[in-house]
Amino acid sequence: QVQLVESGGGLVQTGGSLRLSCAASGRTSSSYAMGWFRQTPGKEREFVGGITWNGDNTDYADSVKGRFHISRDIAKNTVYLQMNGLKPEDTAVYFCTAGSATLTTQGMILTPRYWGQGTQVTVSS
């Protein structure tokens, strides 16, 4: 079993920045790919970004490319999502996930196995 605890959400103005953290614990947590999804009311959860277990590969949704950056501290078993240039449409609950990653010519397919509890990000206009 893997436990994921997110932190770092909050309220920020358009153009601002936030950094989300996700601390993983569990015997095999370091062997999973990790990433972030987000969800707004009435919509399906959508992929934001992912990183392989060793940090060598990352991928992002087109809507956040160039603004968001995902990184991983293997020693701390923590994944970070640096969000810059935030827009009102980035407002959502952000969920950390651990699972498996498949690298294709069209990008990463991250298949979640474990989820965190979610953290709210609100961007005001």
C-alpha atoms as a PDB file:
ATOM      1  CA  GLN A   1       0.000   0.000   0.000  1.00  0.00           C
ATOM      2  CA  VAL A   2       1.190   3.524  -0.822  1.00  0.00           C
ATOM      3  CA  GLN A   3      -0.003   6.622   0.982  1.00  0.00           C
ATOM      4  CA  LEU A   4       0.133  10.020  -0.700  1.00  0.00           C
ATOM      5  CA  VAL A   5      -0.213  13.328   1.103  1.00  0.00           C
ATOM      6  CA  GLU A   6      -0.479  16.554  -0.883  1.00  0.00           C
ATOM      7  CA  SER A   7       0.193  20.062   0.333  1.00  0.00           C
ATOM      8  CA  GLY A   8       0.707  23.521  -1.077  1.00  0.00           C
ATOM      9  CA  GLY A   9      -2.656  24.423  -2.546  1.00  0.00           C
ATOM     10  CA  GLY A  10      -4.292  27.756  -1.958  1.00  0.00           C
ATOM     11  CA  LEU A  11      -5.572  30.984  -3.448  1.00  0.00           C
ATOM     12  CA  VAL A  12      -3.455  32.962  -5.887  1.00  0.00           C
ATOM     13  CA  GLN A  13      -4.031  35.753  -8.363  1.00  0.00           C
ATOM     14  CA  THR A  14      -3.807  35.339 -12.131  1.00  0.00           C
ATOM     15  CA  GLY A  15      -0.190  35.154 -13.183  1.00  0.00           C
ATOM     16  CA  GLY A  16       0.959  33.946  -9.785  1.00  0.00           C
ATOM     17  CA  SER A  17       2.750  30.774  -8.775  1.00  0.00           C
ATOM     18  CA  LEU A  18       2.195  27.881  -6.428  1.00  0.00           C
ATOM     19  CA  ARG A  19       4.160  24.751  -5.666  1.00  0.00           C
ATOM     20  CA  LEU A  20       2.355  21.561  -4.769  1.00  0.00           C
ATOM     21  CA  SER A  21       4.106  18.772  -2.904  1.00  0.00           C
ATOM     22  CA  CYS A  22       3.192  15.116  -2.646  1.00  0.00           C
ATOM     23  CA  ALA A  23       4.900  12.973  -0.046  1.00  0.00           C
ATOM     24  CA  ALA A  24       4.719   9.237  -0.667  1.00  0.00           C
ATOM     25  CA  SER A  25       5.138   6.535   1.936  1.00  0.00           C
ATOM     26  CA  GLY A  26       4.963   2.783   1.752  1.00  0.00           C
ATOM     27  CA  ARG A  27       7.406   0.022   1.139  1.00  0.00           C
ATOM     28  CA  THR A  28       7.430   0.218  -2.664  1.00  0.00           C
ATOM     29  CA  SER A  29       6.464   3.862  -3.155  1.00  0.00           C
ATOM     30  CA  SER A  30       9.772   4.823  -4.805  1.00  0.00           C
ATOM     31  CA  SER A  31       9.241   2.335  -7.641  1.00  0.00           C
ATOM     32  CA  TYR A  32       6.101   3.990  -8.991  1.00  0.00           C
ATOM     33  CA  ALA A  33       5.713   6.669 -11.570  1.00  0.00           C
ATOM     34  CA  MET A  34       3.986   9.669 -10.069  1.00  0.00           C
ATOM     35  CA  GLY A  35       2.002  12.581 -11.320  1.00  0.00           C
ATOM     36  CA  TRP A  36      -0.827  15.016 -10.944  1.00  0.00           C
ATOM     37  CA  PHE A  37      -4.410  15.107 -12.129  1.00  0.00           C
ATOM     38  CA  ARG A  38      -6.979  17.808 -11.549  1.00  0.00           C
ATOM     39  CA  GLN A  39     -10.733  17.937 -11.359  1.00  0.00           C
ATOM     40  CA  THR A  40     -13.440  20.576 -11.382  1.00  0.00           C
ATOM     41  CA  PRO A  41     -17.094  20.022 -10.420  1.00  0.00           C
ATOM     42  CA  GLY A  42     -19.026  18.076 -13.022  1.00  0.00           C
ATOM     43  CA  LYS A  43     -15.949  17.162 -15.047  1.00  0.00           C
ATOM     44  CA  GLU A  44     -13.750  14.129 -15.257  1.00  0.00           C
ATOM     45  CA  ARG A  45     -10.370  14.083 -13.618  1.00  0.00           C
ATOM     46  CA  GLU A  46      -7.741  15.135 -16.169  1.00  0.00           C
ATOM     47  CA  PHE A  47      -4.032  14.473 -16.492  1.00  0.00           C
ATOM     48  CA  VAL A  48      -1.777  17.418 -15.672  1.00  0.00           C
ATOM     49  CA  GLY A  49       1.731  15.975 -15.596  1.00  0.00           C
ATOM     50  CA  GLY A  50       3.703  12.850 -14.814  1.00  0.00           C
ATOM     51  CA  ILE A  51       7.223  11.730 -14.007  1.00  0.00           C
ATOM     52  CA  THR A  52       8.802   8.289 -14.193  1.00  0.00           C
ATOM     53  CA  TRP A  53      10.067   6.518 -11.090  1.00  0.00           C
ATOM     54  CA  ASN A  54      13.680   7.630 -11.713  1.00  0.00           C
ATOM     55  CA  GLY A  55      12.777  11.141 -12.813  1.00  0.00           C
ATOM     56  CA  ASP A  56      14.240  10.685 -16.282  1.00  0.00           C
ATOM     57  CA  ASN A  57      11.035  11.349 -18.172  1.00  0.00           C
ATOM     58  CA  THR A  58       8.250  13.858 -17.724  1.00  0.00           C
ATOM     59  CA  ASP A  59       5.176  14.783 -19.686  1.00  0.00           C
ATOM     60  CA  TYR A  60       2.492  17.428 -19.415  1.00  0.00           C
ATOM     61  CA  ALA A  61      -0.964  18.199 -20.659  1.00  0.00           C
ATOM     62  CA  ASP A  62      -0.890  20.685 -23.527  1.00  0.00           C
ATOM     63  CA  SER A  63      -2.818  23.187 -21.409  1.00  0.00           C
ATOM     64  CA  VAL A  64       0.018  23.486 -18.881  1.00  0.00           C
ATOM     65  CA  LYS A  65       3.132  22.957 -21.020  1.00  0.00           C
ATOM     66  CA  GLY A  66       5.632  25.736 -20.556  1.00  0.00           C
ATOM     67  CA  ARG A  67       3.974  26.876 -17.303  1.00  0.00           C
ATOM     68  CA  PHE A  68       4.069  23.824 -15.020  1.00  0.00           C
ATOM     69  CA  HIS A  69       7.103  21.788 -14.059  1.00  0.00           C
ATOM     70  CA  ILE A  70       7.133  18.456 -12.268  1.00  0.00           C
ATOM     71  CA  SER A  71      10.127  17.169 -10.357  1.00  0.00           C
ATOM     72  CA  ARG A  72      10.945  14.375  -7.980  1.00  0.00           C
ATOM     73  CA  ASP A  73      13.197  14.047  -4.942  1.00  0.00           C
ATOM     74  CA  ILE A  74      13.822  10.317  -4.794  1.00  0.00           C
ATOM     75  CA  ALA A  75      15.571  10.483  -1.440  1.00  0.00           C
ATOM     76  CA  LYS A  76      12.563  12.216   0.121  1.00  0.00           C
ATOM     77  CA  ASN A  77       9.986  10.228  -1.845  1.00  0.00           C
ATOM     78  CA  THR A  78       8.359  13.514  -2.764  1.00  0.00           C
ATOM     79  CA  VAL A  79       7.054  14.872  -6.042  1.00  0.00           C
ATOM     80  CA  TYR A  80       6.598  18.568  -6.706  1.00  0.00           C
ATOM     81  CA  LEU A  81       4.437  20.467  -9.168  1.00  0.00           C
ATOM     82  CA  GLN A  82       5.678  24.000  -9.746  1.00  0.00           C
ATOM     83  CA  MET A  83       2.880  26.011 -11.287  1.00  0.00           C
ATOM     84  CA  ASN A  84       3.732  29.364 -12.855  1.00  0.00           C
ATOM     85  CA  GLY A  85       1.659  31.781 -14.879  1.00  0.00           C
ATOM     86  CA  LEU A  86      -1.524  30.508 -13.273  1.00  0.00           C
ATOM     87  CA  LYS A  87      -4.817  31.204 -14.993  1.00  0.00           C
ATOM     88  CA  PRO A  88      -8.404  31.076 -13.674  1.00  0.00           C
ATOM     89  CA  GLU A  89      -8.952  27.939 -15.746  1.00  0.00           C
ATOM     90  CA  ASP A  90      -6.308  26.191 -13.639  1.00  0.00           C
ATOM     91  CA  THR A  91      -8.686  26.367 -10.695  1.00  0.00           C
ATOM     92  CA  ALA A  92      -9.372  22.785  -9.595  1.00  0.00           C
ATOM     93  CA  VAL A  93      -8.717  20.185  -6.965  1.00  0.00           C
ATOM     94  CA  TYR A  94      -5.312  18.709  -7.702  1.00  0.00           C
ATOM     95  CA  PHE A  95      -4.701  15.062  -6.943  1.00  0.00           C
ATOM     96  CA  CYS A  96      -1.355  13.342  -6.631  1.00  0.00           C
ATOM     97  CA  THR A  97      -1.137   9.834  -7.969  1.00  0.00           C
ATOM     98  CA  ALA A  98       1.301   6.915  -8.008  1.00  0.00           C
ATOM     99  CA  GLY A  99       1.079   4.245 -10.647  1.00  0.00           C
ATOM    100  CA  SER A 100       2.618   3.001 -13.874  1.00  0.00           C
ATOM    101  CA  ALA A 101       3.887   5.032 -16.794  1.00  0.00           C
ATOM    102  CA  THR A 102       3.998   3.970 -20.433  1.00  0.00           C
ATOM    103  CA  LEU A 103       6.119   6.080 -22.725  1.00  0.00           C
ATOM    104  CA  THR A 104       4.770   6.351 -26.250  1.00  0.00           C
ATOM    105  CA  THR A 105       5.649   8.457 -29.277  1.00  0.00           C
ATOM    106  CA  GLN A 106       2.735  10.697 -28.307  1.00  0.00           C
ATOM    107  CA  GLY A 107       3.749  11.097 -24.702  1.00  0.00           C
ATOM    108  CA  MET A 108       3.328   9.462 -21.347  1.00  0.00           C
ATOM    109  CA  ILE A 109       0.324   7.405 -20.373  1.00  0.00           C
ATOM    110  CA  LEU A 110       0.118   7.486 -16.601  1.00  0.00           C
ATOM    111  CA  THR A 111      -2.143   4.826 -15.134  1.00  0.00           C
ATOM    112  CA  PRO A 112      -2.968   5.693 -11.525  1.00  0.00           C
ATOM    113  CA  ARG A 113      -3.016   3.077  -8.812  1.00  0.00           C
ATOM    114  CA  TYR A 114      -3.029   5.212  -5.679  1.00  0.00           C
ATOM    115  CA  TRP A 115      -4.469   8.650  -5.046  1.00  0.00           C
ATOM    116  CA  GLY A 116      -3.906  11.399  -2.541  1.00  0.00           C
ATOM    117  CA  GLN A 117      -6.762  13.252  -0.883  1.00  0.00           C
ATOM    118  CA  GLY A 118      -6.504  16.285  -3.166  1.00  0.00           C
ATOM    119  CA  THR A 119      -5.636  19.912  -2.589  1.00  0.00           C
ATOM    120  CA  GLN A 120      -7.615  22.926  -3.788  1.00  0.00           C
ATOM    121  CA  VAL A 121      -6.006  25.452  -6.112  1.00  0.00           C
ATOM    122  CA  THR A 122      -7.977  28.610  -6.786  1.00  0.00           C
ATOM    123  CA  VAL A 123      -6.814  31.268  -9.218  1.00  0.00           C
ATOM    124  CA  SER A 124      -8.639  34.564  -9.003  1.00  0.00           C
ATOM    125  CA  SER A 125      -9.014  36.876 -12.006  1.00  0.00           C
END
